[in-house]
Amino acid sequence: MEQRPSGLRILMDCDLEEAETRARSALAEEGFGILTEIDVKATLKAKINVDRAPYKILGACNPVLANRALNAEEEIGLLLPCNVVIYESTDGTVVEALDPGIMSSVTDASEMEVIATEAREKLARVMVSLEG
C-alpha cells in the first residue's frame, strides 16, 4: 500500500472488474456500504461524447463513523462519503481511497481526528487485504 497526500493507493494485478468486486467485498468486511457509484467512462460518453478508459468512483460509507462525524461537525457531510476510485493504468489496476484524515484537517472539532483515524485504519485494512 502506498500512502499519498490525498489517499491510500494500491496496484492490483487484475482487471478492473475483478478489482472492483474484491474492493466492494473488502469494504463490506470493514463495515462500508456503497452509497454512490459513478461510471465515469459511461457518464462522459453520454454527456459530452468523450471516450476514455474505464474509471469507477465508489462512494463508500461506514454508517457508524459517518454518524459520529456528522454529530461532531455537521458540515463534514461535504466530505462524505469516502471516495474510492478504480481504474486501469499501464502497470495494473489502481484502487485508491481518499484519506479520511483530510476531514480532520478542515475542522476544529476534536472528535474528528479520532473518527478520521478509525476510518483510515479501516480503509488501510481494506487496501492491505487487496494486496494479498
Protein backbone atom coordinates (compact mmCIF):
# COMPACT_ATOMS: atom_id res chain seq x y z
CA MET A 1 0.00 0.00 0.00
CA GLU A 2 1.25 3.42 -0.91
CA GLN A 3 0.38 6.48 1.17
CA ARG A 4 -0.17 9.56 -0.98
CA PRO A 5 -1.11 13.09 0.13
CA SER A 6 -4.71 12.53 -0.90
CA GLY A 7 -5.16 8.88 -0.12
CA LEU A 8 -4.19 5.25 0.16
CA ARG A 9 -3.26 3.54 -3.11
CA ILE A 10 -2.53 0.03 -4.27
CA LEU A 11 -1.80 -1.50 -7.64
CA MET A 12 -3.52 -4.80 -8.39
CA ASP A 13 -2.56 -7.41 -10.96
CA CYS A 14 -6.08 -8.00 -12.28
CA ASP A 15 -8.67 -6.32 -14.48
CA LEU A 16 -10.95 -3.52 -13.33
CA GLU A 17 -13.97 -5.78 -12.89
CA GLU A 18 -12.16 -8.15 -10.54
CA ALA A 19 -10.56 -5.26 -8.64
CA GLU A 20 -13.98 -3.67 -8.16
CA THR A 21 -15.54 -6.93 -6.96
CA ARG A 22 -12.72 -7.51 -4.50
CA ALA A 23 -12.77 -3.87 -3.32
CA ARG A 24 -16.52 -3.96 -2.68
CA SER A 25 -16.14 -7.16 -0.66
CA ALA A 26 -13.21 -5.83 1.37
CA LEU A 27 -15.05 -2.56 2.06
CA ALA A 28 -18.11 -4.50 3.25
CA GLU A 29 -15.92 -6.53 5.63
CA GLU A 30 -14.85 -3.25 7.26
CA GLY A 31 -18.45 -2.01 7.57
CA PHE A 32 -18.56 0.21 4.48
CA GLY A 33 -21.51 0.25 2.14
CA ILE A 34 -21.50 1.82 -1.32
CA LEU A 35 -23.86 4.82 -1.35
CA THR A 36 -22.94 6.13 -4.78
CA GLU A 37 -21.34 4.72 -7.89
CA ILE A 38 -20.16 6.72 -10.86
CA ASP A 39 -19.09 5.06 -14.08
CA VAL A 40 -17.01 7.97 -15.35
CA LYS A 41 -16.42 6.37 -18.76
CA ALA A 42 -20.15 5.91 -19.42
CA THR A 43 -21.09 9.30 -18.00
CA LEU A 44 -18.58 11.25 -20.09
CA LYS A 45 -19.58 9.32 -23.20
CA ALA A 46 -23.27 10.08 -22.61
CA LYS A 47 -22.83 13.72 -21.60
CA ILE A 48 -20.04 15.02 -23.85
CA ASN A 49 -19.31 12.14 -26.25
CA VAL A 50 -15.79 11.58 -24.91
CA ASP A 51 -14.21 8.15 -25.00
CA ARG A 52 -11.95 7.32 -22.08
CA ALA A 53 -10.68 4.25 -20.32
CA PRO A 54 -12.86 2.63 -17.66
CA TYR A 55 -12.86 4.61 -14.40
CA LYS A 56 -15.16 3.98 -11.43
CA ILE A 57 -15.82 6.13 -8.38
CA LEU A 58 -17.41 4.34 -5.44
CA GLY A 59 -18.81 6.45 -2.59
CA ALA A 60 -18.06 4.27 0.43
CA CYS A 61 -19.68 4.97 3.78
CA ASN A 62 -19.35 3.40 7.20
CA PRO A 63 -22.66 4.45 8.82
CA VAL A 64 -21.38 4.35 12.41
CA LEU A 65 -18.38 6.55 11.63
CA ALA A 66 -20.42 8.84 9.38
CA ASN A 67 -22.96 9.40 12.15
CA ARG A 68 -20.23 10.19 14.67
CA ALA A 69 -18.60 12.59 12.22
CA LEU A 70 -21.88 14.39 11.49
CA ASN A 71 -22.58 14.68 15.23
CA ALA A 72 -19.14 16.21 15.77
CA GLU A 73 -19.32 18.61 12.80
CA GLU A 74 -22.47 18.74 10.70
CA GLU A 75 -20.72 20.40 7.76
CA ILE A 76 -18.41 17.38 7.44
CA GLY A 77 -21.06 15.95 5.14
CA LEU A 78 -19.33 17.97 2.42
CA LEU A 79 -16.55 15.37 2.55
CA LEU A 80 -18.74 12.27 2.81
CA PRO A 81 -18.80 9.57 1.59
CA CYS A 82 -15.19 8.41 1.27
CA ASN A 83 -14.47 8.11 -2.43
CA VAL A 84 -12.69 5.04 -3.74
CA VAL A 85 -11.51 5.16 -7.34
CA ILE A 86 -10.71 2.18 -9.53
CA TYR A 87 -9.04 2.46 -12.92
CA GLU A 88 -6.59 0.65 -15.14
CA SER A 89 -3.09 2.03 -15.64
CA THR A 90 -0.20 0.75 -17.73
CA ASP A 91 1.13 -1.05 -14.62
CA GLY A 92 -2.10 -2.71 -13.47
CA THR A 93 -5.38 -1.71 -11.87
CA VAL A 94 -5.27 1.11 -9.34
CA VAL A 95 -7.52 1.19 -6.29
CA GLU A 96 -7.22 4.40 -4.30
CA ALA A 97 -9.23 5.67 -1.34
CA LEU A 98 -9.43 9.22 -0.08
CA ASP A 99 -7.58 9.59 3.21
CA PRO A 100 -10.21 10.41 5.85
CA GLY A 101 -7.54 12.41 7.67
CA ILE A 102 -8.43 15.21 5.29
CA MET A 103 -11.66 15.59 7.29
CA SER A 104 -9.78 16.41 10.47
CA SER A 105 -7.67 18.98 8.66
CA VAL A 106 -10.69 21.17 7.81
CA THR A 107 -12.40 21.28 11.19
CA ASP A 108 -11.64 22.22 14.77
CA ALA A 109 -13.91 19.50 16.19
CA SER A 110 -11.62 17.48 18.48
CA GLU A 111 -13.57 14.25 17.92
CA MET A 112 -12.96 14.42 14.16
CA GLU A 113 -9.32 13.39 14.40
CA VAL A 114 -10.28 10.24 16.31
CA ILE A 115 -13.02 9.39 13.81
CA ALA A 116 -10.77 10.07 10.83
CA THR A 117 -8.06 7.85 12.32
CA GLU A 118 -10.54 4.99 12.78
CA ALA A 119 -11.81 5.39 9.22
CA ARG A 120 -8.27 5.50 7.86
CA GLU A 121 -7.33 2.33 9.76
CA LYS A 122 -10.35 0.54 8.28
CA LEU A 123 -9.52 1.72 4.75
CA ALA A 124 -5.87 0.73 5.24
CA ARG A 125 -7.01 -2.79 6.16
CA VAL A 126 -9.12 -2.83 3.00
CA MET A 127 -6.10 -1.90 0.92
CA VAL A 128 -3.81 -4.42 2.61
CA SER A 129 -6.39 -7.17 2.03
CA LEU A 130 -6.46 -6.30 -1.68
CA GLU A 131 -2.67 -6.61 -1.95
CA GLY A 132 -2.67 -10.27 -0.97
